[in-house]
Amino acid sequence: MKFINFVKYGDLDRIAAARKAHFAYADGLRARGELAIGGPLVDEQGRRIGLLFIYEAVSREAALALVQEDPFTLANALRSYELIEWRLRGVNLDLLVKANRSADQSDGSSPPVRLFAGYTKYRVDQSRLAAVRPAHWKYDQALEGAGKMALAGPFADDEGGLFVYNAARREEALSYLKQDPFAVEGVFASYEFLEWIIEGVNPALLTRDFSSSS
């Protein structure tokens, strides 16, 4: 089971003090097969204001324990977090590996991959959601095929989703979200849109929860 942890920082001094321990903790989770991918979230001014982790856990209780044992949490450095079970529908592993800053594999001949995460909440109208979903899936598949979609999938409770785009600029990435049939047809009730800097990825854990044809 996959769980998203969408975090907002609170006390930045405490974040800085706990960062080294947090990195070591995240490295340990990846080595044990409990963290698929993660890294900080960056606002339009380039400030690191939070983080996004995707855990692999047997239950929500197990995932919650991973959150609570993080040095950032133990340092009381967070303003908030949302832990949500998630289903992976689309993934471009090549993009994610290239975006991984901790791998330090850039030879300087090409610009770094930039990823932007759309953390969305849906309206409660399930009939509209069901009617628009086939067009939404087709749109996501087209973006994935064009190398513009890195990750995509709904929350397990079907009340939102996470969509991660590859783009040179924030404006370009945001245009992909706004052209999504879910946005055009009013399925999205709200969203947060932030650059996501990948600082570690475990590709073996990023397997789809749906078949590519479903």
C-alpha atoms as a PDB file:
ATOM      1  CA  MET A   1       0.000   0.000   0.000  1.00  0.00           C
ATOM      2  CA  LYS A   2       1.229   3.488  -0.873  1.00  0.00           C
ATOM      3  CA  PHE A   3       0.726   6.534   1.311  1.00  0.00           C
ATOM      4  CA  ILE A   4       1.412  10.180   0.498  1.00  0.00           C
ATOM      5  CA  ASN A   5       2.739  12.423   3.255  1.00  0.00           C
ATOM      6  CA  PHE A   6       2.160  16.054   2.235  1.00  0.00           C
ATOM      7  CA  VAL A   7       4.016  18.233   4.745  1.00  0.00           C
ATOM      8  CA  LYS A   8       4.245  21.945   5.485  1.00  0.00           C
ATOM      9  CA  TYR A   9       7.182  23.213   7.530  1.00  0.00           C
ATOM     10  CA  GLY A  10       6.620  25.240  10.675  1.00  0.00           C
ATOM     11  CA  ASP A  11       9.770  26.223  12.570  1.00  0.00           C
ATOM     12  CA  LEU A  12      12.542  26.620   9.959  1.00  0.00           C
ATOM     13  CA  ASP A  13      15.281  26.775  12.587  1.00  0.00           C
ATOM     14  CA  ARG A  14      14.190  23.377  13.890  1.00  0.00           C
ATOM     15  CA  ILE A  15      13.997  22.073  10.330  1.00  0.00           C
ATOM     16  CA  ALA A  16      17.608  23.140   9.749  1.00  0.00           C
ATOM     17  CA  ALA A  17      18.778  21.591  13.010  1.00  0.00           C
ATOM     18  CA  ALA A  18      17.068  18.259  12.275  1.00  0.00           C
ATOM     19  CA  ARG A  19      17.866  18.083   8.549  1.00  0.00           C
ATOM     20  CA  LYS A  20      20.939  15.843   8.807  1.00  0.00           C
ATOM     21  CA  ALA A  21      19.075  13.341  10.981  1.00  0.00           C
ATOM     22  CA  HIS A  22      16.061  13.533   8.668  1.00  0.00           C
ATOM     23  CA  PHE A  23      18.228  12.698   5.626  1.00  0.00           C
ATOM     24  CA  ALA A  24      19.719   9.695   7.415  1.00  0.00           C
ATOM     25  CA  TYR A  25      16.232   8.552   8.432  1.00  0.00           C
ATOM     26  CA  ALA A  26      14.943   8.834   4.850  1.00  0.00           C
ATOM     27  CA  ASP A  27      17.959   6.899   3.529  1.00  0.00           C
ATOM     28  CA  GLY A  28      17.174   4.135   5.996  1.00  0.00           C
ATOM     29  CA  LEU A  29      13.522   3.987   4.946  1.00  0.00           C
ATOM     30  CA  ARG A  30      14.495   3.649   1.278  1.00  0.00           C
ATOM     31  CA  ALA A  31      16.993   0.906   2.088  1.00  0.00           C
ATOM     32  CA  ARG A  32      14.286  -1.007   3.998  1.00  0.00           C
ATOM     33  CA  GLY A  33      11.765  -0.616   1.181  1.00  0.00           C
ATOM     34  CA  GLU A  34       9.494   1.767   3.101  1.00  0.00           C
ATOM     35  CA  LEU A  35      10.062   4.996   1.132  1.00  0.00           C
ATOM     36  CA  ALA A  36       9.476   5.045  -2.610  1.00  0.00           C
ATOM     37  CA  ILE A  37      10.390   8.667  -3.302  1.00  0.00           C
ATOM     38  CA  GLY A  38      10.653  11.969  -1.501  1.00  0.00           C
ATOM     39  CA  GLY A  39      12.033  15.452  -1.314  1.00  0.00           C
ATOM     40  CA  PRO A  40      11.229  19.071  -0.458  1.00  0.00           C
ATOM     41  CA  LEU A  41       8.447  21.217  -1.896  1.00  0.00           C
ATOM     42  CA  VAL A  42       9.425  24.663  -3.173  1.00  0.00           C
ATOM     43  CA  ASP A  43       7.198  27.723  -3.580  1.00  0.00           C
ATOM     44  CA  GLU A  44       7.258  30.314  -6.376  1.00  0.00           C
ATOM     45  CA  GLN A  45       9.981  32.291  -4.577  1.00  0.00           C
ATOM     46  CA  GLY A  46      12.257  29.246  -4.417  1.00  0.00           C
ATOM     47  CA  ARG A  47      11.743  28.680  -0.689  1.00  0.00           C
ATOM     48  CA  ARG A  48      11.595  25.151   0.689  1.00  0.00           C
ATOM     49  CA  ILE A  49       8.278  25.195   2.511  1.00  0.00           C
ATOM     50  CA  GLY A  50       7.494  21.509   2.976  1.00  0.00           C
ATOM     51  CA  LEU A  51       8.096  18.028   1.675  1.00  0.00           C
ATOM     52  CA  LEU A  52       6.339  15.225  -0.153  1.00  0.00           C
ATOM     53  CA  PHE A  53       7.058  11.584   0.662  1.00  0.00           C
ATOM     54  CA  ILE A  54       5.473   8.456  -0.777  1.00  0.00           C
ATOM     55  CA  TYR A  55       5.725   5.530   1.630  1.00  0.00           C
ATOM     56  CA  GLU A  56       5.194   1.804   1.135  1.00  0.00           C
ATOM     57  CA  ALA A  57       3.476   0.346   4.197  1.00  0.00           C
ATOM     58  CA  VAL A  58       1.176  -2.517   5.146  1.00  0.00           C
ATOM     59  CA  SER A  59      -1.400  -0.218   6.781  1.00  0.00           C
ATOM     60  CA  ARG A  60      -2.164   3.396   7.580  1.00  0.00           C
ATOM     61  CA  GLU A  61      -1.024   2.770  11.148  1.00  0.00           C
ATOM     62  CA  ALA A  62       2.362   1.573   9.887  1.00  0.00           C
ATOM     63  CA  ALA A  63       2.682   4.607   7.601  1.00  0.00           C
ATOM     64  CA  LEU A  64       1.703   6.920  10.457  1.00  0.00           C
ATOM     65  CA  ALA A  65       4.494   5.442  12.558  1.00  0.00           C
ATOM     66  CA  LEU A  66       6.972   6.374   9.792  1.00  0.00           C
ATOM     67  CA  VAL A  67       5.691   9.961   9.928  1.00  0.00           C
ATOM     68  CA  GLN A  68       5.862  10.152  13.707  1.00  0.00           C
ATOM     69  CA  GLU A  69       9.401   8.738  13.868  1.00  0.00           C
ATOM     70  CA  ASP A  70      10.789  11.259  11.362  1.00  0.00           C
ATOM     71  CA  PRO A  71      13.291  13.630  13.018  1.00  0.00           C
ATOM     72  CA  PHE A  72      11.346  16.614  11.633  1.00  0.00           C
ATOM     73  CA  THR A  73       8.246  15.409  13.486  1.00  0.00           C
ATOM     74  CA  LEU A  74      10.175  14.583  16.647  1.00  0.00           C
ATOM     75  CA  ALA A  75      11.694  18.085  16.598  1.00  0.00           C
ATOM     76  CA  ASN A  76       8.188  19.605  16.488  1.00  0.00           C
ATOM     77  CA  ALA A  77       9.274  21.440  13.337  1.00  0.00           C
ATOM     78  CA  LEU A  78       6.159  20.876  11.208  1.00  0.00           C
ATOM     79  CA  ARG A  79       3.123  23.094  10.799  1.00  0.00           C
ATOM     80  CA  SER A  80       1.006  20.315   9.326  1.00  0.00           C
ATOM     81  CA  TYR A  81       0.989  17.038   7.446  1.00  0.00           C
ATOM     82  CA  GLU A  82      -1.599  15.017   5.538  1.00  0.00           C
ATOM     83  CA  LEU A  83      -1.178  11.254   5.327  1.00  0.00           C
ATOM     84  CA  ILE A  84      -3.356   9.775   2.565  1.00  0.00           C
ATOM     85  CA  GLU A  85      -3.491   6.342   0.984  1.00  0.00           C
ATOM     86  CA  TRP A  86      -2.771   6.642  -2.734  1.00  0.00           C
ATOM     87  CA  ARG A  87      -3.027   4.587  -5.909  1.00  0.00           C
ATOM     88  CA  LEU A  88      -0.333   4.860  -8.592  1.00  0.00           C
ATOM     89  CA  ARG A  89      -1.865   4.886 -12.071  1.00  0.00           C
ATOM     90  CA  GLY A  90       0.862   6.467 -14.230  1.00  0.00           C
ATOM     91  CA  VAL A  91       4.633   6.573 -13.751  1.00  0.00           C
ATOM     92  CA  ASN A  92       7.682   7.526 -15.810  1.00  0.00           C
ATOM     93  CA  LEU A  93      10.603   5.972 -13.948  1.00  0.00           C
ATOM     94  CA  ASP A  94      13.173   7.404 -16.345  1.00  0.00           C
ATOM     95  CA  LEU A  95      12.073  10.945 -15.502  1.00  0.00           C
ATOM     96  CA  LEU A  96      12.090  10.268 -11.773  1.00  0.00           C
ATOM     97  CA  VAL A  97      15.577   8.761 -11.841  1.00  0.00           C
ATOM     98  CA  LYS A  98      16.883  11.701 -13.885  1.00  0.00           C
ATOM     99  CA  ALA A  99      15.242  14.141 -11.462  1.00  0.00           C
ATOM    100  CA  ASN A 100      16.909  12.543  -8.438  1.00  0.00           C
ATOM    101  CA  ARG A 101      19.252  15.228  -7.080  1.00  0.00           C
ATOM    102  CA  SER A 102      20.897  12.904  -4.573  1.00  0.00           C
ATOM    103  CA  ALA A 103      22.203  10.681  -7.377  1.00  0.00           C
ATOM    104  CA  ASP A 104      24.396  13.531  -8.662  1.00  0.00           C
ATOM    105  CA  GLN A 105      24.456  12.012 -12.131  1.00  0.00           C
ATOM    106  CA  SER A 106      24.183  15.137 -14.256  1.00  0.00           C
ATOM    107  CA  ASP A 107      27.104  15.676 -16.606  1.00  0.00           C
ATOM    108  CA  GLY A 108      26.153  19.300 -17.199  1.00  0.00           C
ATOM    109  CA  SER A 109      25.278  18.706 -20.848  1.00  0.00           C
ATOM    110  CA  SER A 110      21.514  18.968 -20.317  1.00  0.00           C
ATOM    111  CA  PRO A 111      19.334  21.002 -17.947  1.00  0.00           C
ATOM    112  CA  PRO A 112      18.137  19.253 -14.802  1.00  0.00           C
ATOM    113  CA  VAL A 113      14.696  17.691 -14.817  1.00  0.00           C
ATOM    114  CA  ARG A 114      12.196  19.883 -12.967  1.00  0.00           C
ATOM    115  CA  LEU A 115       9.077  18.340 -11.484  1.00  0.00           C
ATOM    116  CA  PHE A 116       5.945  20.097 -10.244  1.00  0.00           C
ATOM    117  CA  ALA A 117       3.411  18.429  -7.971  1.00  0.00           C
ATOM    118  CA  GLY A 118      -0.295  19.139  -8.190  1.00  0.00           C
ATOM    119  CA  TYR A 119      -1.904  18.028  -4.926  1.00  0.00           C
ATOM    120  CA  THR A 120      -5.598  18.156  -5.715  1.00  0.00           C
ATOM    121  CA  LYS A 121      -8.912  17.752  -3.930  1.00  0.00           C
ATOM    122  CA  TYR A 122     -12.085  16.756  -5.812  1.00  0.00           C
ATOM    123  CA  ARG A 123     -15.663  17.921  -5.484  1.00  0.00           C
ATOM    124  CA  VAL A 124     -18.067  15.468  -3.884  1.00  0.00           C
ATOM    125  CA  ASP A 125     -20.171  14.947  -7.031  1.00  0.00           C
ATOM    126  CA  GLN A 126     -19.327  11.303  -7.734  1.00  0.00           C
ATOM    127  CA  SER A 127     -21.441  11.173 -10.899  1.00  0.00           C
ATOM    128  CA  ARG A 128     -19.444  14.022 -12.468  1.00  0.00           C
ATOM    129  CA  LEU A 129     -16.197  12.399 -11.353  1.00  0.00           C
ATOM    130  CA  ALA A 130     -17.188   9.107 -12.987  1.00  0.00           C
ATOM    131  CA  ALA A 131     -18.336  10.812 -16.195  1.00  0.00           C
ATOM    132  CA  VAL A 132     -15.132  12.801 -16.691  1.00  0.00           C
ATOM    133  CA  ARG A 133     -12.673  10.142 -15.519  1.00  0.00           C
ATOM    134  CA  PRO A 134     -12.179   8.359 -18.905  1.00  0.00           C
ATOM    135  CA  ALA A 135     -11.139  11.670 -20.541  1.00  0.00           C
ATOM    136  CA  HIS A 136      -8.913  12.448 -17.578  1.00  0.00           C
ATOM    137  CA  TRP A 137      -7.155   9.067 -17.857  1.00  0.00           C
ATOM    138  CA  LYS A 138      -6.674   9.512 -21.590  1.00  0.00           C
ATOM    139  CA  TYR A 139      -5.199  12.972 -21.008  1.00  0.00           C
ATOM    140  CA  ASP A 140      -2.772  11.666 -18.366  1.00  0.00           C
ATOM    141  CA  GLN A 141      -1.664   8.853 -20.666  1.00  0.00           C
ATOM    142  CA  ALA A 142      -0.961  11.355 -23.456  1.00  0.00           C
ATOM    143  CA  LEU A 143       1.158  13.480 -21.103  1.00  0.00           C
ATOM    144  CA  GLU A 144       3.023  10.407 -19.883  1.00  0.00           C
ATOM    145  CA  GLY A 145       3.715   9.347 -23.458  1.00  0.00           C
ATOM    146  CA  ALA A 146       5.073  12.827 -24.233  1.00  0.00           C
ATOM    147  CA  GLY A 147       7.417  12.730 -21.230  1.00  0.00           C
ATOM    148  CA  LYS A 148       5.450  15.417 -19.394  1.00  0.00           C
ATOM    149  CA  MET A 149       3.893  13.306 -16.645  1.00  0.00           C
ATOM    150  CA  ALA A 150       6.108  11.683 -14.018  1.00  0.00           C
ATOM    151  CA  LEU A 151       3.528  10.366 -11.545  1.00  0.00           C
ATOM    152  CA  ALA A 152      -0.260  10.293 -11.463  1.00  0.00           C
ATOM    153  CA  GLY A 153      -2.963   8.662  -9.439  1.00  0.00           C
ATOM    154  CA  PRO A 154      -5.989   9.125  -7.175  1.00  0.00           C
ATOM    155  CA  PHE A 155      -6.266   9.003  -3.417  1.00  0.00           C
ATOM    156  CA  ALA A 156      -7.702   5.688  -2.247  1.00  0.00           C
ATOM    157  CA  ASP A 157     -10.821   7.449  -0.939  1.00  0.00           C
ATOM    158  CA  ASP A 158     -11.335   9.047  -4.384  1.00  0.00           C
ATOM    159  CA  GLU A 159     -11.444  12.532  -2.847  1.00  0.00           C
ATOM    160  CA  GLY A 160      -8.372  13.844  -4.635  1.00  0.00           C
ATOM    161  CA  GLY A 161      -5.197  12.937  -6.459  1.00  0.00           C
ATOM    162  CA  LEU A 162      -1.504  13.621  -6.988  1.00  0.00           C
ATOM    163  CA  PHE A 163      -0.224  14.606 -10.437  1.00  0.00           C
ATOM    164  CA  VAL A 164       3.478  15.323 -10.990  1.00  0.00           C
ATOM    165  CA  TYR A 165       4.513  17.091 -14.204  1.00  0.00           C
ATOM    166  CA  ASN A 166       7.849  17.549 -15.964  1.00  0.00           C
ATOM    167  CA  ALA A 167       8.372  21.057 -17.340  1.00  0.00           C
ATOM    168  CA  ALA A 168      11.071  23.666 -17.794  1.00  0.00           C
ATOM    169  CA  ARG A 169       9.003  26.317 -15.993  1.00  0.00           C
ATOM    170  CA  ARG A 170       6.239  26.435 -13.423  1.00  0.00           C
ATOM    171  CA  GLU A 171       3.872  28.159 -15.860  1.00  0.00           C
ATOM    172  CA  GLU A 172       4.227  25.337 -18.366  1.00  0.00           C
ATOM    173  CA  ALA A 173       3.594  22.676 -15.732  1.00  0.00           C
ATOM    174  CA  LEU A 174       0.585  24.551 -14.357  1.00  0.00           C
ATOM    175  CA  SER A 175      -0.892  24.701 -17.856  1.00  0.00           C
ATOM    176  CA  TYR A 176      -0.905  20.892 -17.938  1.00  0.00           C
ATOM    177  CA  LEU A 177      -2.944  20.813 -14.728  1.00  0.00           C
ATOM    178  CA  LYS A 178      -5.363  23.471 -15.942  1.00  0.00           C
ATOM    179  CA  GLN A 179      -5.960  21.629 -19.227  1.00  0.00           C
ATOM    180  CA  ASP A 180      -6.797  18.383 -17.436  1.00  0.00           C
ATOM    181  CA  PRO A 181     -10.459  17.429 -18.085  1.00  0.00           C
ATOM    182  CA  PHE A 182     -10.896  17.297 -14.304  1.00  0.00           C
ATOM    183  CA  ALA A 183     -10.003  21.002 -14.184  1.00  0.00           C
ATOM    184  CA  VAL A 184     -11.982  21.962 -17.302  1.00  0.00           C
ATOM    185  CA  GLU A 185     -15.117  20.131 -16.124  1.00  0.00           C
ATOM    186  CA  GLY A 186     -14.994  21.392 -12.544  1.00  0.00           C
ATOM    187  CA  VAL A 187     -13.985  18.168 -10.796  1.00  0.00           C
ATOM    188  CA  PHE A 188     -11.097  19.855  -8.989  1.00  0.00           C
ATOM    189  CA  ALA A 189     -12.352  21.708  -5.929  1.00  0.00           C
ATOM    190  CA  SER A 190      -8.884  22.986  -5.011  1.00  0.00           C
ATOM    191  CA  TYR A 191      -5.217  22.277  -5.535  1.00  0.00           C
ATOM    192  CA  GLU A 192      -1.762  23.185  -4.294  1.00  0.00           C
ATOM    193  CA  PHE A 193       0.937  23.414  -6.944  1.00  0.00           C
ATOM    194  CA  LEU A 194       4.589  23.329  -5.905  1.00  0.00           C
ATOM    195  CA  GLU A 195       7.929  22.387  -7.377  1.00  0.00           C
ATOM    196  CA  TRP A 196       9.129  19.047  -6.012  1.00  0.00           C
ATOM    197  CA  ILE A 197      12.856  18.423  -5.684  1.00  0.00           C
ATOM    198  CA  ILE A 198      13.536  14.695  -5.637  1.00  0.00           C
ATOM    199  CA  GLU A 199      16.205  13.734  -3.103  1.00  0.00           C
ATOM    200  CA  GLY A 200      16.062   9.958  -3.298  1.00  0.00           C
ATOM    201  CA  VAL A 201      14.029   7.400  -5.220  1.00  0.00           C
ATOM    202  CA  ASN A 202      13.495   3.644  -4.957  1.00  0.00           C
ATOM    203  CA  PRO A 203      12.219   2.635  -8.426  1.00  0.00           C
ATOM    204  CA  ALA A 204      11.350  -0.901  -7.294  1.00  0.00           C
ATOM    205  CA  LEU A 205       8.572   0.513  -5.099  1.00  0.00           C
ATOM    206  CA  LEU A 206       6.987   2.620  -7.847  1.00  0.00           C
ATOM    207  CA  THR A 207       4.898  -0.114  -9.432  1.00  0.00           C
ATOM    208  CA  ARG A 208       1.467   0.718 -10.836  1.00  0.00           C
ATOM    209  CA  ASP A 209      -1.641  -0.148  -8.854  1.00  0.00           C
ATOM    210  CA  PHE A 210      -3.637  -0.289 -12.094  1.00  0.00           C
ATOM    211  CA  SER A 211      -2.905  -2.003 -15.373  1.00  0.00           C
ATOM    212  CA  SER A 212      -1.742   0.349 -18.113  1.00  0.00           C
ATOM    213  CA  SER A 213      -4.947  -0.328 -20.040  1.00  0.00           C
ATOM    214  CA  SER A 214      -7.427   0.248 -17.214  1.00  0.00           C
END
